[in-house]
Amino acid sequence: MSAIFFGSIGAIAETSELQRLAFNQAFTLHKLDWQWSRDEYITLLEKSGGQNRVLDYAKSLGISVDAEAIHHSKSEIFQKLLQDHPFEARSGVVEVMQMAKQSGFKLAFVTATSKQNVMSILEALKNDINRSDFDLVVSASDIEHPKPAPDAYNFALKQLGQMPQSCVAVEDNFCGLEAAKAAGLACIAFPGENTAHHNFEAADLCVNRLDFKQLQQFISG
């Protein structure tokens, strides 16, 4: 095994509730009386893509909205909230990254979110993680189809010159897991606070904390 792919923002930082807050503020900005509760948002997270969630929600209410504009506002609000809220990487992430680099692994951040969101989260985590810690950072601008399509992982494999069987993905949600498996990767499920109920049966390993020794044992096994 020669590369570790962190497959989403949620795989390195717990931002789900902040994103829900950003959605609700965007709804208010666009004069919608929607306010997603946590329970409601947890259910909506079963599908990938914030814009798609807005579209599906509007369709369920029988109304038409400019989902692209709403999602754009949500992203801008989320990026501002990241500046105003202190953030830390999820449990074990920094240690795994440091030890993986020392052991000669390549590291990639393989998301399907916007480049602006990726840069904002890395800026918010700058005391723990830097852009330079990754050999590759993938964002929506690099791919045609978002997860659960395997495009992001296929792009990362090609850019790093890796074969799927030599890499492992770390994902916090079902769609990311599907994308990793579709690309032929082994996948470690690392559920977040709002994705713990997702179906991770297809994962090769499911953990609530990243640990490099456990990761090494998984890889060697």
C-alpha atoms as a PDB file:
ATOM      1  CA  MET A   1       0.000   0.000   0.000  1.00  0.00           C
ATOM      2  CA  SER A   2       1.526   3.306  -1.041  1.00  0.00           C
ATOM      3  CA  ALA A   3      -1.139   6.030  -0.849  1.00  0.00           C
ATOM      4  CA  ILE A   4      -3.881   7.180   1.513  1.00  0.00           C
ATOM      5  CA  PHE A   5      -6.790   9.175   0.115  1.00  0.00           C
ATOM      6  CA  PHE A   6      -8.853  11.332   2.465  1.00  0.00           C
ATOM      7  CA  GLY A   7     -12.107  11.377   0.567  1.00  0.00           C
ATOM      8  CA  SER A   8     -14.085  14.370   1.827  1.00  0.00           C
ATOM      9  CA  ILE A   9     -14.079  17.395   4.080  1.00  0.00           C
ATOM     10  CA  GLY A  10     -15.878  15.279   6.665  1.00  0.00           C
ATOM     11  CA  ALA A  11     -13.043  12.770   6.684  1.00  0.00           C
ATOM     12  CA  ILE A  12     -10.665  15.352   8.128  1.00  0.00           C
ATOM     13  CA  ALA A  13     -12.902  17.814  10.003  1.00  0.00           C
ATOM     14  CA  GLU A  14     -16.367  17.737  11.556  1.00  0.00           C
ATOM     15  CA  THR A  15     -18.200  20.498   9.674  1.00  0.00           C
ATOM     16  CA  SER A  16     -21.648  18.991   9.127  1.00  0.00           C
ATOM     17  CA  GLU A  17     -23.513  21.124  11.651  1.00  0.00           C
ATOM     18  CA  LEU A  18     -21.782  24.263  10.389  1.00  0.00           C
ATOM     19  CA  GLN A  19     -22.888  23.379   6.881  1.00  0.00           C
ATOM     20  CA  ARG A  20     -26.466  22.914   8.082  1.00  0.00           C
ATOM     21  CA  LEU A  21     -26.313  26.372   9.652  1.00  0.00           C
ATOM     22  CA  ALA A  22     -25.020  27.771   6.353  1.00  0.00           C
ATOM     23  CA  PHE A  23     -27.900  26.167   4.452  1.00  0.00           C
ATOM     24  CA  ASN A  24     -30.458  27.645   6.852  1.00  0.00           C
ATOM     25  CA  GLN A  25     -28.920  31.116   6.564  1.00  0.00           C
ATOM     26  CA  ALA A  26     -28.935  30.792   2.776  1.00  0.00           C
ATOM     27  CA  PHE A  27     -32.627  29.875   2.832  1.00  0.00           C
ATOM     28  CA  THR A  28     -33.372  33.025   4.827  1.00  0.00           C
ATOM     29  CA  LEU A  29     -31.284  35.098   2.402  1.00  0.00           C
ATOM     30  CA  HIS A  30     -33.340  33.742  -0.497  1.00  0.00           C
ATOM     31  CA  LYS A  31     -36.604  34.435   1.359  1.00  0.00           C
ATOM     32  CA  LEU A  32     -37.500  30.795   1.897  1.00  0.00           C
ATOM     33  CA  ASP A  33     -39.174  29.739   5.151  1.00  0.00           C
ATOM     34  CA  TRP A  34     -37.141  26.516   5.279  1.00  0.00           C
ATOM     35  CA  GLN A  35     -35.128  25.648   8.370  1.00  0.00           C
ATOM     36  CA  TRP A  36     -33.558  22.201   8.287  1.00  0.00           C
ATOM     37  CA  SER A  37     -33.479  20.559  11.705  1.00  0.00           C
ATOM     38  CA  ARG A  38     -30.579  18.298  12.549  1.00  0.00           C
ATOM     39  CA  ASP A  39     -32.732  15.168  12.212  1.00  0.00           C
ATOM     40  CA  GLU A  40     -34.004  16.372   8.843  1.00  0.00           C
ATOM     41  CA  TYR A  41     -30.501  17.216   7.651  1.00  0.00           C
ATOM     42  CA  ILE A  42     -29.161  13.820   8.723  1.00  0.00           C
ATOM     43  CA  THR A  43     -31.734  12.202   6.450  1.00  0.00           C
ATOM     44  CA  LEU A  44     -30.893  14.570   3.579  1.00  0.00           C
ATOM     45  CA  LEU A  45     -27.208  13.656   3.867  1.00  0.00           C
ATOM     46  CA  GLU A  46     -27.995  10.196   2.564  1.00  0.00           C
ATOM     47  CA  LYS A  47     -27.799  11.755  -0.909  1.00  0.00           C
ATOM     48  CA  SER A  48     -24.655  13.420  -2.204  1.00  0.00           C
ATOM     49  CA  GLY A  49     -24.416  17.039  -3.316  1.00  0.00           C
ATOM     50  CA  GLY A  50     -25.831  20.088  -1.569  1.00  0.00           C
ATOM     51  CA  GLN A  51     -27.439  21.491  -4.703  1.00  0.00           C
ATOM     52  CA  ASN A  52     -29.194  18.187  -5.323  1.00  0.00           C
ATOM     53  CA  ARG A  53     -30.503  18.212  -1.751  1.00  0.00           C
ATOM     54  CA  VAL A  54     -32.028  21.659  -2.311  1.00  0.00           C
ATOM     55  CA  LEU A  55     -33.617  20.525  -5.575  1.00  0.00           C
ATOM     56  CA  ASP A  56     -35.025  17.342  -4.041  1.00  0.00           C
ATOM     57  CA  TYR A  57     -36.376  19.227  -1.045  1.00  0.00           C
ATOM     58  CA  ALA A  58     -38.091  21.815  -3.254  1.00  0.00           C
ATOM     59  CA  LYS A  59     -39.552  19.037  -5.388  1.00  0.00           C
ATOM     60  CA  SER A  60     -40.944  17.332  -2.276  1.00  0.00           C
ATOM     61  CA  LEU A  61     -42.778  20.589  -1.497  1.00  0.00           C
ATOM     62  CA  GLY A  62     -43.990  20.984  -5.051  1.00  0.00           C
ATOM     63  CA  ILE A  63     -42.179  24.268  -5.655  1.00  0.00           C
ATOM     64  CA  SER A  64     -39.419  25.507  -7.957  1.00  0.00           C
ATOM     65  CA  VAL A  65     -36.318  27.294  -6.681  1.00  0.00           C
ATOM     66  CA  ASP A  66     -32.966  28.450  -8.047  1.00  0.00           C
ATOM     67  CA  ALA A  67     -30.983  25.671  -6.384  1.00  0.00           C
ATOM     68  CA  GLU A  68     -27.703  26.781  -7.956  1.00  0.00           C
ATOM     69  CA  ALA A  69     -28.022  30.302  -6.528  1.00  0.00           C
ATOM     70  CA  ILE A  70     -29.062  29.004  -3.107  1.00  0.00           C
ATOM     71  CA  HIS A  71     -26.153  26.587  -2.999  1.00  0.00           C
ATOM     72  CA  HIS A  72     -23.746  29.327  -4.090  1.00  0.00           C
ATOM     73  CA  SER A  73     -24.959  31.495  -1.197  1.00  0.00           C
ATOM     74  CA  LYS A  74     -24.644  28.544   1.170  1.00  0.00           C
ATOM     75  CA  SER A  75     -21.015  28.010   0.103  1.00  0.00           C
ATOM     76  CA  GLU A  76     -20.150  31.681   0.639  1.00  0.00           C
ATOM     77  CA  ILE A  77     -21.777  31.634   4.086  1.00  0.00           C
ATOM     78  CA  PHE A  78     -20.015  28.370   4.978  1.00  0.00           C
ATOM     79  CA  GLN A  79     -16.642  29.803   3.996  1.00  0.00           C
ATOM     80  CA  LYS A  80     -17.283  32.872   6.177  1.00  0.00           C
ATOM     81  CA  LEU A  81     -18.384  30.701   9.110  1.00  0.00           C
ATOM     82  CA  LEU A  82     -15.155  28.712   8.808  1.00  0.00           C
ATOM     83  CA  GLN A  83     -13.224  31.937   9.339  1.00  0.00           C
ATOM     84  CA  ASP A  84     -15.201  32.760  12.481  1.00  0.00           C
ATOM     85  CA  HIS A  85     -15.225  29.353  14.179  1.00  0.00           C
ATOM     86  CA  PRO A  86     -12.147  27.598  15.604  1.00  0.00           C
ATOM     87  CA  PHE A  87     -11.619  24.184  14.074  1.00  0.00           C
ATOM     88  CA  GLU A  88      -9.519  21.130  14.718  1.00  0.00           C
ATOM     89  CA  ALA A  89      -8.918  18.055  12.618  1.00  0.00           C
ATOM     90  CA  ARG A  90     -10.870  14.949  13.556  1.00  0.00           C
ATOM     91  CA  SER A  91      -9.464  12.464  16.038  1.00  0.00           C
ATOM     92  CA  GLY A  92      -6.248  10.829  14.844  1.00  0.00           C
ATOM     93  CA  VAL A  93      -6.134  12.557  11.442  1.00  0.00           C
ATOM     94  CA  VAL A  94      -3.038  14.699  12.063  1.00  0.00           C
ATOM     95  CA  GLU A  95      -1.096  11.827  13.620  1.00  0.00           C
ATOM     96  CA  VAL A  96      -1.965   9.480  10.747  1.00  0.00           C
ATOM     97  CA  MET A  97      -0.914  12.077   8.182  1.00  0.00           C
ATOM     98  CA  GLN A  98       2.387  12.770   9.911  1.00  0.00           C
ATOM     99  CA  MET A  99       3.306   9.114  10.373  1.00  0.00           C
ATOM    100  CA  ALA A 100       2.139   8.195   6.878  1.00  0.00           C
ATOM    101  CA  LYS A 101       4.421  10.816   5.352  1.00  0.00           C
ATOM    102  CA  GLN A 102       7.328   9.648   7.512  1.00  0.00           C
ATOM    103  CA  SER A 103       6.670   6.105   6.304  1.00  0.00           C
ATOM    104  CA  GLY A 104       6.758   7.104   2.645  1.00  0.00           C
ATOM    105  CA  PHE A 105       3.034   7.085   1.857  1.00  0.00           C
ATOM    106  CA  LYS A 106       1.588   9.562  -0.599  1.00  0.00           C
ATOM    107  CA  LEU A 107      -1.365  11.564   0.725  1.00  0.00           C
ATOM    108  CA  ALA A 108      -4.255  12.982  -1.272  1.00  0.00           C
ATOM    109  CA  PHE A 109      -7.341  14.980  -0.367  1.00  0.00           C
ATOM    110  CA  VAL A 110      -9.921  13.647  -2.839  1.00  0.00           C
ATOM    111  CA  THR A 111     -13.113  15.689  -2.592  1.00  0.00           C
ATOM    112  CA  ALA A 112     -15.927  16.512  -4.986  1.00  0.00           C
ATOM    113  CA  THR A 113     -16.659  19.876  -3.375  1.00  0.00           C
ATOM    114  CA  SER A 114     -15.666  23.269  -4.764  1.00  0.00           C
ATOM    115  CA  LYS A 115     -12.062  24.435  -4.791  1.00  0.00           C
ATOM    116  CA  GLN A 116     -13.108  27.442  -2.696  1.00  0.00           C
ATOM    117  CA  ASN A 117     -14.560  25.179   0.004  1.00  0.00           C
ATOM    118  CA  VAL A 118     -11.425  23.035  -0.008  1.00  0.00           C
ATOM    119  CA  MET A 119      -9.157  26.056   0.368  1.00  0.00           C
ATOM    120  CA  SER A 120     -11.387  27.473   3.115  1.00  0.00           C
ATOM    121  CA  ILE A 121     -11.322  24.292   5.184  1.00  0.00           C
ATOM    122  CA  LEU A 122      -7.548  23.989   4.822  1.00  0.00           C
ATOM    123  CA  GLU A 123      -7.169  27.611   5.907  1.00  0.00           C
ATOM    124  CA  ALA A 124      -9.389  26.930   8.927  1.00  0.00           C
ATOM    125  CA  LEU A 125      -7.225  23.912   9.810  1.00  0.00           C
ATOM    126  CA  LYS A 126      -3.887  25.612   9.148  1.00  0.00           C
ATOM    127  CA  ASN A 127      -2.651  25.006  12.703  1.00  0.00           C
ATOM    128  CA  ASP A 128      -3.032  21.258  12.111  1.00  0.00           C
ATOM    129  CA  ILE A 129      -2.944  20.660   8.342  1.00  0.00           C
ATOM    130  CA  ASN A 130      -1.432  22.535   5.401  1.00  0.00           C
ATOM    131  CA  ARG A 131      -2.030  22.252   1.668  1.00  0.00           C
ATOM    132  CA  SER A 132       1.595  21.186   1.317  1.00  0.00           C
ATOM    133  CA  ASP A 133       0.922  18.110   3.493  1.00  0.00           C
ATOM    134  CA  PHE A 134      -0.917  16.586   0.533  1.00  0.00           C
ATOM    135  CA  ASP A 135       0.728  15.328  -2.628  1.00  0.00           C
ATOM    136  CA  LEU A 136      -2.552  16.070  -4.418  1.00  0.00           C
ATOM    137  CA  VAL A 137      -5.781  17.940  -3.701  1.00  0.00           C
ATOM    138  CA  VAL A 138      -8.795  17.134  -5.887  1.00  0.00           C
ATOM    139  CA  SER A 139     -11.898  19.345  -6.087  1.00  0.00           C
ATOM    140  CA  ALA A 140     -15.041  19.639  -8.201  1.00  0.00           C
ATOM    141  CA  SER A 141     -13.203  21.612 -10.875  1.00  0.00           C
ATOM    142  CA  ASP A 142     -11.060  18.543 -11.659  1.00  0.00           C
ATOM    143  CA  ILE A 143     -13.898  16.129 -12.402  1.00  0.00           C
ATOM    144  CA  GLU A 144     -16.996  15.761 -14.551  1.00  0.00           C
ATOM    145  CA  HIS A 145     -19.215  13.672 -12.282  1.00  0.00           C
ATOM    146  CA  PRO A 146     -19.424  14.027  -8.470  1.00  0.00           C
ATOM    147  CA  LYS A 147     -19.505  11.145  -6.016  1.00  0.00           C
ATOM    148  CA  PRO A 148     -20.858   8.442  -5.941  1.00  0.00           C
ATOM    149  CA  ALA A 149     -19.270   8.360  -9.413  1.00  0.00           C
ATOM    150  CA  PRO A 150     -15.605   7.298  -9.163  1.00  0.00           C
ATOM    151  CA  ASP A 151     -14.264  10.276 -11.169  1.00  0.00           C
ATOM    152  CA  ALA A 152     -12.487  11.979  -8.247  1.00  0.00           C
ATOM    153  CA  TYR A 153     -10.649   8.797  -7.278  1.00  0.00           C
ATOM    154  CA  ASN A 154      -9.834   7.882 -10.867  1.00  0.00           C
ATOM    155  CA  PHE A 155      -8.392  11.360 -11.356  1.00  0.00           C
ATOM    156  CA  ALA A 156      -6.277  11.032  -8.194  1.00  0.00           C
ATOM    157  CA  LEU A 157      -4.977   7.608  -9.219  1.00  0.00           C
ATOM    158  CA  LYS A 158      -3.972   8.919 -12.629  1.00  0.00           C
ATOM    159  CA  GLN A 159      -2.319  12.072 -11.280  1.00  0.00           C
ATOM    160  CA  LEU A 160      -0.287  10.158  -8.692  1.00  0.00           C
ATOM    161  CA  GLY A 161       0.504   7.237 -10.998  1.00  0.00           C
ATOM    162  CA  GLN A 162      -1.027   4.719  -8.594  1.00  0.00           C
ATOM    163  CA  MET A 163      -2.963   1.497  -9.066  1.00  0.00           C
ATOM    164  CA  PRO A 164      -6.206   1.085  -7.067  1.00  0.00           C
ATOM    165  CA  GLN A 165      -4.915  -1.943  -5.194  1.00  0.00           C
ATOM    166  CA  SER A 166      -2.014   0.115  -3.811  1.00  0.00           C
ATOM    167  CA  CYS A 167      -4.240   2.750  -2.194  1.00  0.00           C
ATOM    168  CA  VAL A 168      -6.770   3.060   0.609  1.00  0.00           C
ATOM    169  CA  ALA A 169      -9.543   5.648   0.925  1.00  0.00           C
ATOM    170  CA  VAL A 170     -10.905   7.141   4.150  1.00  0.00           C
ATOM    171  CA  GLU A 171     -14.547   8.201   3.809  1.00  0.00           C
ATOM    172  CA  ASP A 172     -17.155   9.539   6.229  1.00  0.00           C
ATOM    173  CA  ASN A 173     -20.296   8.984   4.146  1.00  0.00           C
ATOM    174  CA  PHE A 174     -22.054   6.376   2.016  1.00  0.00           C
ATOM    175  CA  CYS A 175     -21.697   8.162  -1.344  1.00  0.00           C
ATOM    176  CA  GLY A 176     -17.967   8.556  -0.789  1.00  0.00           C
ATOM    177  CA  LEU A 177     -17.706   4.871   0.092  1.00  0.00           C
ATOM    178  CA  GLU A 178     -19.544   3.978  -3.124  1.00  0.00           C
ATOM    179  CA  ALA A 179     -17.165   6.176  -5.144  1.00  0.00           C
ATOM    180  CA  ALA A 180     -14.078   4.592  -3.585  1.00  0.00           C
ATOM    181  CA  LYS A 181     -15.313   1.052  -4.168  1.00  0.00           C
ATOM    182  CA  ALA A 182     -16.342   1.891  -7.748  1.00  0.00           C
ATOM    183  CA  ALA A 183     -12.748   2.996  -8.357  1.00  0.00           C
ATOM    184  CA  GLY A 184     -11.478  -0.334  -7.007  1.00  0.00           C
ATOM    185  CA  LEU A 185     -10.104   1.025  -3.726  1.00  0.00           C
ATOM    186  CA  ALA A 186     -10.130  -0.477  -0.280  1.00  0.00           C
ATOM    187  CA  CYS A 187     -12.078   1.886   1.961  1.00  0.00           C
ATOM    188  CA  ILE A 188     -11.997   2.694   5.662  1.00  0.00           C
ATOM    189  CA  ALA A 189     -15.290   4.153   6.888  1.00  0.00           C
ATOM    190  CA  PHE A 190     -14.790   6.993   9.381  1.00  0.00           C
ATOM    191  CA  PRO A 191     -18.381   8.147  10.087  1.00  0.00           C
ATOM    192  CA  GLY A 192     -19.049  11.685  11.259  1.00  0.00           C
ATOM    193  CA  GLU A 193     -21.580  12.862  13.825  1.00  0.00           C
ATOM    194  CA  ASN A 194     -24.294  13.224  11.172  1.00  0.00           C
ATOM    195  CA  THR A 195     -23.380  10.207   9.015  1.00  0.00           C
ATOM    196  CA  ALA A 196     -23.075   7.494  11.673  1.00  0.00           C
ATOM    197  CA  HIS A 197     -26.348   5.929  10.498  1.00  0.00           C
ATOM    198  CA  HIS A 198     -25.169   5.479   6.882  1.00  0.00           C
ATOM    199  CA  ASN A 199     -24.813   1.963   5.519  1.00  0.00           C
ATOM    200  CA  PHE A 200     -21.092   1.173   5.681  1.00  0.00           C
ATOM    201  CA  GLU A 201     -21.417  -2.575   5.178  1.00  0.00           C
ATOM    202  CA  ALA A 202     -19.317  -2.383   1.990  1.00  0.00           C
ATOM    203  CA  ALA A 203     -16.405  -0.769   3.866  1.00  0.00           C
ATOM    204  CA  ASP A 204     -13.317  -2.883   4.506  1.00  0.00           C
ATOM    205  CA  LEU A 205     -13.008  -1.413   8.006  1.00  0.00           C
ATOM    206  CA  CYS A 206     -15.140   0.972  10.089  1.00  0.00           C
ATOM    207  CA  VAL A 207     -13.551   3.111  12.837  1.00  0.00           C
ATOM    208  CA  ASN A 208     -14.503   6.027  15.086  1.00  0.00           C
ATOM    209  CA  ARG A 209     -10.906   7.234  15.386  1.00  0.00           C
ATOM    210  CA  LEU A 210      -7.992   7.025  12.984  1.00  0.00           C
ATOM    211  CA  ASP A 211      -4.940   5.205  14.305  1.00  0.00           C
ATOM    212  CA  PHE A 212      -1.795   4.670  12.254  1.00  0.00           C
ATOM    213  CA  LYS A 213      -0.899   1.321  13.820  1.00  0.00           C
ATOM    214  CA  GLN A 214      -4.388   0.020  13.103  1.00  0.00           C
ATOM    215  CA  LEU A 215      -4.094   1.395   9.570  1.00  0.00           C
ATOM    216  CA  GLN A 216      -0.760  -0.399   9.104  1.00  0.00           C
ATOM    217  CA  GLN A 217      -2.291  -3.663  10.328  1.00  0.00           C
ATOM    218  CA  PHE A 218      -5.190  -3.229   7.931  1.00  0.00           C
ATOM    219  CA  ILE A 219      -2.841  -2.528   5.029  1.00  0.00           C
ATOM    220  CA  SER A 220      -0.545  -5.459   5.817  1.00  0.00           C
ATOM    221  CA  GLY A 221      -3.557  -7.745   6.239  1.00  0.00           C
END
